[in-house]
Amino acid sequence: MNRFSDRQLSQFTSIIRMGATEASHAMSTWLERSISVEVEPVNQLPLSIAADQLGTPDATLCACLMNVTGLINGQLLFAFDEKSGLCLSETILNRSDSVQSWGELEISAAKETANIVGCAFLNSLSRSLPHLGSKDESTVEEVGSDCMPSAPVFLRDYAAAIMQSVLLDQACCSDSVVVIKSDLRIAELPLLFHFMFVPDAESLDKLSRLMP
C-alpha cells in the first residue's frame, strides 16, 4: 500500500471535512437539533494506535456498519456508546420514557440515522474526488463516479472487535492504516457519536494516483 505525502493527506483531510460537514447538516435536519462536527486530520497510523480509535478496546460499543462500493470501496462506521445510542433512539422515536435496551424500533432508528449520515457524506465525497488533479480521464473512469453504501448492519461488541473488522483489509497489506474519523455531538445532550470511513487498500492506491 502506497504511503501518502503530507500534501496528499492535507488535501484528503479538506475533502473529508466537507463530507463530514454535509453529514452533520443531514443529521441536524433529521433530528431537528444542532450538530457539531470535529474532523481529525487524515493520517497513516500504526495498526496498534488505529485499533484504539473508538476508545478503550474492552468497552462495549454499538455501531452501524455500511460497506461502500463505487468510486472508492471501504467501510463506513457510525459508532456510539450504549447510553448515547439509546438516547438517540429516544429522540428519534419521540419517547418520553427512558429506553433501557435495544429493541427492533431502537435498532431501526439508529440504522436510519446511519444511513442518512452516510449517504450525505458519500454524496459529498463523490462530487469531490473525481476532480482531483488527474487529467487522465481513464484514471477517473477506472474508479467510477459514485460511492454507494449498503444497508446498515447493527453491531454490539467490544470496541477492539469492531475495529479489527473494519481494519482487516488494510492490515493485511501494511503495518500502517488510514483511518478517517469525525466526532458528532448533539446540542444540549452530552452524547458523542463517532463517524469513521476506512477505505480498502486498493482504493487507497487509487486515491494516491488521483491526488497530485
C-alpha atoms as a PDB file:
ATOM      1  CA  MET A   1       0.000   0.000   0.000  1.00  0.00           C
ATOM      2  CA  ASN A   2       1.384   3.405  -1.014  1.00  0.00           C
ATOM      3  CA  ARG A   3       2.187   5.990   1.626  1.00  0.00           C
ATOM      4  CA  PHE A   4       0.554   9.372   1.181  1.00  0.00           C
ATOM      5  CA  SER A   5       2.634  12.539   1.117  1.00  0.00           C
ATOM      6  CA  ASP A   6       1.887  15.308   3.614  1.00  0.00           C
ATOM      7  CA  ARG A   7       0.348  17.305   0.764  1.00  0.00           C
ATOM      8  CA  GLN A   8      -1.964  14.452  -0.191  1.00  0.00           C
ATOM      9  CA  LEU A   9      -3.019  13.890   3.423  1.00  0.00           C
ATOM     10  CA  SER A  10      -3.821  17.597   3.770  1.00  0.00           C
ATOM     11  CA  GLN A  11      -5.835  17.559   0.552  1.00  0.00           C
ATOM     12  CA  PHE A  12      -7.690  14.439   1.605  1.00  0.00           C
ATOM     13  CA  THR A  13      -8.447  15.987   5.016  1.00  0.00           C
ATOM     14  CA  SER A  14     -10.035  19.031   3.336  1.00  0.00           C
ATOM     15  CA  ILE A  15     -12.287  16.771   1.250  1.00  0.00           C
ATOM     16  CA  ILE A  16     -13.267  14.701   4.286  1.00  0.00           C
ATOM     17  CA  ARG A  17     -14.108  17.865   6.240  1.00  0.00           C
ATOM     18  CA  MET A  18     -16.557  18.887   3.514  1.00  0.00           C
ATOM     19  CA  GLY A  19     -18.158  15.456   3.639  1.00  0.00           C
ATOM     20  CA  ALA A  20     -18.357  15.428   7.436  1.00  0.00           C
ATOM     21  CA  THR A  21     -19.931  18.891   7.439  1.00  0.00           C
ATOM     22  CA  GLU A  22     -22.561  17.730   4.965  1.00  0.00           C
ATOM     23  CA  ALA A  23     -23.175  14.642   7.093  1.00  0.00           C
ATOM     24  CA  SER A  24     -23.650  16.766  10.220  1.00  0.00           C
ATOM     25  CA  HIS A  25     -26.123  19.016   8.372  1.00  0.00           C
ATOM     26  CA  ALA A  26     -28.122  15.964   7.299  1.00  0.00           C
ATOM     27  CA  MET A  27     -28.152  14.623  10.856  1.00  0.00           C
ATOM     28  CA  SER A  28     -29.159  18.051  12.181  1.00  0.00           C
ATOM     29  CA  THR A  29     -32.131  18.159   9.795  1.00  0.00           C
ATOM     30  CA  TRP A  30     -33.100  14.587  10.703  1.00  0.00           C
ATOM     31  CA  LEU A  31     -33.027  15.231  14.466  1.00  0.00           C
ATOM     32  CA  GLU A  32     -34.126  18.882  14.331  1.00  0.00           C
ATOM     33  CA  ARG A  33     -31.191  19.719  16.600  1.00  0.00           C
ATOM     34  CA  SER A  34     -27.905  21.486  16.080  1.00  0.00           C
ATOM     35  CA  ILE A  35     -24.986  19.114  15.441  1.00  0.00           C
ATOM     36  CA  SER A  36     -21.327  19.996  15.855  1.00  0.00           C
ATOM     37  CA  VAL A  37     -18.651  18.068  13.999  1.00  0.00           C
ATOM     38  CA  GLU A  38     -14.941  17.679  14.659  1.00  0.00           C
ATOM     39  CA  VAL A  39     -12.813  16.008  11.981  1.00  0.00           C
ATOM     40  CA  GLU A  40      -9.448  14.520  12.834  1.00  0.00           C
ATOM     41  CA  PRO A  41      -6.710  15.093  10.221  1.00  0.00           C
ATOM     42  CA  VAL A  42      -6.317  12.129   7.876  1.00  0.00           C
ATOM     43  CA  ASN A  43      -3.132  10.265   8.698  1.00  0.00           C
ATOM     44  CA  GLN A  44      -1.473   6.900   8.315  1.00  0.00           C
ATOM     45  CA  LEU A  45      -1.328   5.315  11.746  1.00  0.00           C
ATOM     46  CA  PRO A  46       0.461   2.282  13.129  1.00  0.00           C
ATOM     47  CA  LEU A  47      -2.007  -0.565  13.443  1.00  0.00           C
ATOM     48  CA  SER A  48      -1.682  -0.620  17.251  1.00  0.00           C
ATOM     49  CA  ILE A  49      -2.755   3.029  17.511  1.00  0.00           C
ATOM     50  CA  ALA A  50      -5.515   2.784  14.915  1.00  0.00           C
ATOM     51  CA  ALA A  51      -7.078  -0.080  16.842  1.00  0.00           C
ATOM     52  CA  ASP A  52      -7.794   2.312  19.741  1.00  0.00           C
ATOM     53  CA  GLN A  53      -9.661   4.913  17.669  1.00  0.00           C
ATOM     54  CA  LEU A  54     -13.020   4.001  19.202  1.00  0.00           C
ATOM     55  CA  GLY A  55     -11.768   4.180  22.784  1.00  0.00           C
ATOM     56  CA  THR A  56     -10.927   1.531  25.363  1.00  0.00           C
ATOM     57  CA  PRO A  57     -10.616  -1.786  23.484  1.00  0.00           C
ATOM     58  CA  ASP A  58     -12.662  -3.760  26.036  1.00  0.00           C
ATOM     59  CA  ALA A  59     -15.502  -1.217  26.197  1.00  0.00           C
ATOM     60  CA  THR A  60     -18.807  -2.364  24.732  1.00  0.00           C
ATOM     61  CA  LEU A  61     -19.875  -0.239  21.788  1.00  0.00           C
ATOM     62  CA  CYS A  62     -22.755  -0.186  19.359  1.00  0.00           C
ATOM     63  CA  ALA A  63     -22.266   0.615  15.707  1.00  0.00           C
ATOM     64  CA  CYS A  64     -23.978   0.643  12.338  1.00  0.00           C
ATOM     65  CA  LEU A  65     -21.676  -0.680   9.616  1.00  0.00           C
ATOM     66  CA  MET A  66     -22.090   0.019   5.898  1.00  0.00           C
ATOM     67  CA  ASN A  67     -20.000  -1.359   3.043  1.00  0.00           C
ATOM     68  CA  VAL A  68     -19.081   1.238   0.410  1.00  0.00           C
ATOM     69  CA  THR A  69     -18.612   0.458  -3.280  1.00  0.00           C
ATOM     70  CA  GLY A  70     -18.075   2.505  -6.444  1.00  0.00           C
ATOM     71  CA  LEU A  71     -15.696   5.427  -6.698  1.00  0.00           C
ATOM     72  CA  ILE A  72     -13.791   4.014  -3.775  1.00  0.00           C
ATOM     73  CA  ASN A  73     -14.510   0.924  -1.695  1.00  0.00           C
ATOM     74  CA  GLY A  74     -14.352   0.524   2.037  1.00  0.00           C
ATOM     75  CA  GLN A  75     -16.475   0.663   5.162  1.00  0.00           C
ATOM     76  CA  LEU A  76     -18.439   3.370   6.934  1.00  0.00           C
ATOM     77  CA  LEU A  77     -18.964   3.070  10.661  1.00  0.00           C
ATOM     78  CA  PHE A  78     -21.396   5.079  12.787  1.00  0.00           C
ATOM     79  CA  ALA A  79     -20.413   4.150  16.358  1.00  0.00           C
ATOM     80  CA  PHE A  80     -21.631   5.174  19.809  1.00  0.00           C
ATOM     81  CA  ASP A  81     -21.694   4.006  23.397  1.00  0.00           C
ATOM     82  CA  GLU A  82     -24.829   2.363  24.765  1.00  0.00           C
ATOM     83  CA  LYS A  83     -26.140   5.467  26.543  1.00  0.00           C
ATOM     84  CA  SER A  84     -25.666   7.756  23.515  1.00  0.00           C
ATOM     85  CA  GLY A  85     -27.279   5.294  21.139  1.00  0.00           C
ATOM     86  CA  LEU A  86     -30.352   4.665  23.302  1.00  0.00           C
ATOM     87  CA  CYS A  87     -30.788   8.389  23.926  1.00  0.00           C
ATOM     88  CA  LEU A  88     -30.578   8.980  20.167  1.00  0.00           C
ATOM     89  CA  SER A  89     -33.336   6.421  19.662  1.00  0.00           C
ATOM     90  CA  GLU A  90     -35.490   8.107  22.327  1.00  0.00           C
ATOM     91  CA  THR A  91     -35.113  11.417  20.487  1.00  0.00           C
ATOM     92  CA  ILE A  92     -35.976   9.961  17.072  1.00  0.00           C
ATOM     93  CA  LEU A  93     -38.924   7.922  18.373  1.00  0.00           C
ATOM     94  CA  ASN A  94     -40.137  10.857  20.500  1.00  0.00           C
ATOM     95  CA  ARG A  95     -40.262   8.634  23.564  1.00  0.00           C
ATOM     96  CA  SER A  96     -40.996  10.241  26.930  1.00  0.00           C
ATOM     97  CA  ASP A  97     -39.840   7.196  28.897  1.00  0.00           C
ATOM     98  CA  SER A  98     -36.216   6.133  29.143  1.00  0.00           C
ATOM     99  CA  VAL A  99     -35.146   3.346  26.804  1.00  0.00           C
ATOM    100  CA  GLN A 100     -33.120   0.709  28.637  1.00  0.00           C
ATOM    101  CA  SER A 101     -32.314  -1.843  25.945  1.00  0.00           C
ATOM    102  CA  TRP A 102     -32.121  -2.333  22.195  1.00  0.00           C
ATOM    103  CA  GLY A 103     -35.361  -3.445  20.614  1.00  0.00           C
ATOM    104  CA  GLU A 104     -36.378  -3.602  16.964  1.00  0.00           C
ATOM    105  CA  LEU A 105     -37.568   0.018  16.880  1.00  0.00           C
ATOM    106  CA  GLU A 106     -34.446   1.372  18.591  1.00  0.00           C
ATOM    107  CA  ILE A 107     -32.137  -0.510  16.223  1.00  0.00           C
ATOM    108  CA  SER A 108     -34.165   0.672  13.228  1.00  0.00           C
ATOM    109  CA  ALA A 109     -33.858   4.311  14.391  1.00  0.00           C
ATOM    110  CA  ALA A 110     -30.070   4.000  14.771  1.00  0.00           C
ATOM    111  CA  LYS A 111     -29.723   2.355  11.351  1.00  0.00           C
ATOM    112  CA  GLU A 112     -31.824   5.025   9.653  1.00  0.00           C
ATOM    113  CA  THR A 113     -29.642   7.734  11.217  1.00  0.00           C
ATOM    114  CA  ALA A 114     -26.503   5.965   9.995  1.00  0.00           C
ATOM    115  CA  ASN A 115     -27.986   5.701   6.511  1.00  0.00           C
ATOM    116  CA  ILE A 116     -28.839   9.425   6.373  1.00  0.00           C
ATOM    117  CA  VAL A 117     -25.433  10.487   7.690  1.00  0.00           C
ATOM    118  CA  GLY A 118     -23.553   8.003   5.496  1.00  0.00           C
ATOM    119  CA  CYS A 119     -25.356   8.938   2.269  1.00  0.00           C
ATOM    120  CA  ALA A 120     -24.749  12.661   2.851  1.00  0.00           C
ATOM    121  CA  PHE A 121     -21.048  12.012   3.472  1.00  0.00           C
ATOM    122  CA  LEU A 122     -20.651   9.807   0.396  1.00  0.00           C
ATOM    123  CA  ASN A 123     -22.545  12.216  -1.859  1.00  0.00           C
ATOM    124  CA  SER A 124     -20.062  14.922  -0.926  1.00  0.00           C
ATOM    125  CA  LEU A 125     -17.140  12.540  -1.457  1.00  0.00           C
ATOM    126  CA  SER A 126     -18.454  11.515  -4.881  1.00  0.00           C
ATOM    127  CA  ARG A 127     -18.661  15.140  -6.001  1.00  0.00           C
ATOM    128  CA  SER A 128     -15.145  15.961  -4.814  1.00  0.00           C
ATOM    129  CA  LEU A 129     -12.895  13.029  -5.639  1.00  0.00           C
ATOM    130  CA  PRO A 130     -13.210  12.733  -9.459  1.00  0.00           C
ATOM    131  CA  HIS A 131     -11.963  16.317  -9.876  1.00  0.00           C
ATOM    132  CA  LEU A 132      -8.687  15.806  -8.038  1.00  0.00           C
ATOM    133  CA  GLY A 133      -5.662  16.714 -10.046  1.00  0.00           C
ATOM    134  CA  SER A 134      -5.525  13.957 -12.647  1.00  0.00           C
ATOM    135  CA  LYS A 135      -6.168  14.980 -16.250  1.00  0.00           C
ATOM    136  CA  ASP A 136      -6.125  11.367 -17.347  1.00  0.00           C
ATOM    137  CA  GLU A 137      -9.804  10.574 -17.943  1.00  0.00           C
ATOM    138  CA  SER A 138      -9.126   6.845 -17.968  1.00  0.00           C
ATOM    139  CA  THR A 139      -7.995   7.091 -14.344  1.00  0.00           C
ATOM    140  CA  VAL A 140     -11.289   8.691 -13.347  1.00  0.00           C
ATOM    141  CA  GLU A 141     -13.279   6.091 -15.273  1.00  0.00           C
ATOM    142  CA  GLU A 142     -11.365   3.316 -13.548  1.00  0.00           C
ATOM    143  CA  VAL A 143     -12.718   4.295 -10.126  1.00  0.00           C
ATOM    144  CA  GLY A 144     -16.257   5.100 -11.225  1.00  0.00           C
ATOM    145  CA  SER A 145     -18.319   8.165 -10.432  1.00  0.00           C
ATOM    146  CA  ASP A 146     -20.264   7.420  -7.236  1.00  0.00           C
ATOM    147  CA  CYS A 147     -19.865   5.989  -3.762  1.00  0.00           C
ATOM    148  CA  MET A 148     -22.776   3.786  -2.710  1.00  0.00           C
ATOM    149  CA  PRO A 149     -23.435   2.438   0.797  1.00  0.00           C
ATOM    150  CA  SER A 150     -25.013  -0.898   1.616  1.00  0.00           C
ATOM    151  CA  ALA A 151     -27.901  -1.148   4.081  1.00  0.00           C
ATOM    152  CA  PRO A 152     -26.541  -0.602   7.624  1.00  0.00           C
ATOM    153  CA  VAL A 153     -25.867  -3.614   9.835  1.00  0.00           C
ATOM    154  CA  PHE A 154     -26.246  -3.105  13.590  1.00  0.00           C
ATOM    155  CA  LEU A 155     -23.375  -4.340  15.767  1.00  0.00           C
ATOM    156  CA  ARG A 156     -22.922  -4.543  19.531  1.00  0.00           C
ATOM    157  CA  ASP A 157     -19.472  -5.759  20.546  1.00  0.00           C
ATOM    158  CA  TYR A 158     -16.179  -4.796  22.148  1.00  0.00           C
ATOM    159  CA  ALA A 159     -14.524  -1.765  20.534  1.00  0.00           C
ATOM    160  CA  ALA A 160     -11.435  -3.832  19.672  1.00  0.00           C
ATOM    161  CA  ALA A 161     -13.507  -6.441  17.835  1.00  0.00           C
ATOM    162  CA  ILE A 162     -15.332  -3.792  15.803  1.00  0.00           C
ATOM    163  CA  MET A 163     -12.080  -2.046  14.849  1.00  0.00           C
ATOM    164  CA  GLN A 164     -10.396  -5.314  13.873  1.00  0.00           C
ATOM    165  CA  SER A 165     -13.244  -5.995  11.474  1.00  0.00           C
ATOM    166  CA  VAL A 166     -13.066  -2.610   9.693  1.00  0.00           C
ATOM    167  CA  LEU A 167      -9.252  -2.522   9.555  1.00  0.00           C
ATOM    168  CA  LEU A 168      -8.782  -6.086   8.309  1.00  0.00           C
ATOM    169  CA  ASP A 169      -8.292  -5.287   4.606  1.00  0.00           C
ATOM    170  CA  GLN A 170      -5.662  -2.576   5.137  1.00  0.00           C
ATOM    171  CA  ALA A 171      -3.936  -4.525   7.921  1.00  0.00           C
ATOM    172  CA  CYS A 172      -3.374  -7.455   5.540  1.00  0.00           C
ATOM    173  CA  CYS A 173      -1.368  -5.174   3.216  1.00  0.00           C
ATOM    174  CA  SER A 174       0.562  -2.881   5.555  1.00  0.00           C
ATOM    175  CA  ASP A 175       1.563  -2.262   9.169  1.00  0.00           C
ATOM    176  CA  SER A 176       0.088   1.257   8.929  1.00  0.00           C
ATOM    177  CA  VAL A 177      -3.522   2.087   8.114  1.00  0.00           C
ATOM    178  CA  VAL A 178      -5.555   5.125   7.061  1.00  0.00           C
ATOM    179  CA  VAL A 179      -8.481   5.858   9.365  1.00  0.00           C
ATOM    180  CA  ILE A 180     -10.789   8.793   8.653  1.00  0.00           C
ATOM    181  CA  LYS A 181     -12.660   9.777  11.797  1.00  0.00           C
ATOM    182  CA  SER A 182     -15.128  12.511  12.766  1.00  0.00           C
ATOM    183  CA  ASP A 183     -16.897  13.106  16.071  1.00  0.00           C
ATOM    184  CA  LEU A 184     -20.501  14.347  16.063  1.00  0.00           C
ATOM    185  CA  ARG A 185     -22.148  15.954  19.094  1.00  0.00           C
ATOM    186  CA  ILE A 186     -25.821  16.813  19.556  1.00  0.00           C
ATOM    187  CA  ALA A 187     -26.554  20.237  21.039  1.00  0.00           C
ATOM    188  CA  GLU A 188     -27.787  20.191  24.647  1.00  0.00           C
ATOM    189  CA  LEU A 189     -27.101  16.477  25.014  1.00  0.00           C
ATOM    190  CA  PRO A 190     -23.866  15.011  26.472  1.00  0.00           C
ATOM    191  CA  LEU A 191     -23.652  12.468  23.665  1.00  0.00           C
ATOM    192  CA  LEU A 192     -20.808  11.564  21.336  1.00  0.00           C
ATOM    193  CA  PHE A 193     -21.024   9.690  18.042  1.00  0.00           C
ATOM    194  CA  HIS A 194     -18.026   8.520  16.032  1.00  0.00           C
ATOM    195  CA  PHE A 195     -18.313   8.559  12.249  1.00  0.00           C
ATOM    196  CA  MET A 196     -15.498   6.628  10.596  1.00  0.00           C
ATOM    197  CA  PHE A 197     -14.588   5.869   6.991  1.00  0.00           C
ATOM    198  CA  VAL A 198     -11.975   3.216   6.236  1.00  0.00           C
ATOM    199  CA  PRO A 199     -11.110   2.835   2.504  1.00  0.00           C
ATOM    200  CA  ASP A 200      -9.767  -0.545   1.451  1.00  0.00           C
ATOM    201  CA  ALA A 201      -6.136  -0.931   0.386  1.00  0.00           C
ATOM    202  CA  GLU A 202      -6.887  -0.932  -3.351  1.00  0.00           C
ATOM    203  CA  SER A 203      -8.895   2.296  -3.050  1.00  0.00           C
ATOM    204  CA  LEU A 204      -6.057   3.987  -1.175  1.00  0.00           C
ATOM    205  CA  ASP A 205      -3.739   3.182  -4.071  1.00  0.00           C
ATOM    206  CA  LYS A 206      -6.274   4.697  -6.492  1.00  0.00           C
ATOM    207  CA  LEU A 207      -6.594   7.804  -4.317  1.00  0.00           C
ATOM    208  CA  SER A 208      -2.827   8.268  -4.267  1.00  0.00           C
ATOM    209  CA  ARG A 209      -2.881   8.384  -8.081  1.00  0.00           C
ATOM    210  CA  LEU A 210      -5.810  10.824  -8.189  1.00  0.00           C
ATOM    211  CA  MET A 211      -4.280  13.338  -5.778  1.00  0.00           C
ATOM    212  CA  PRO A 212      -1.234  15.269  -7.032  1.00  0.00           C
END
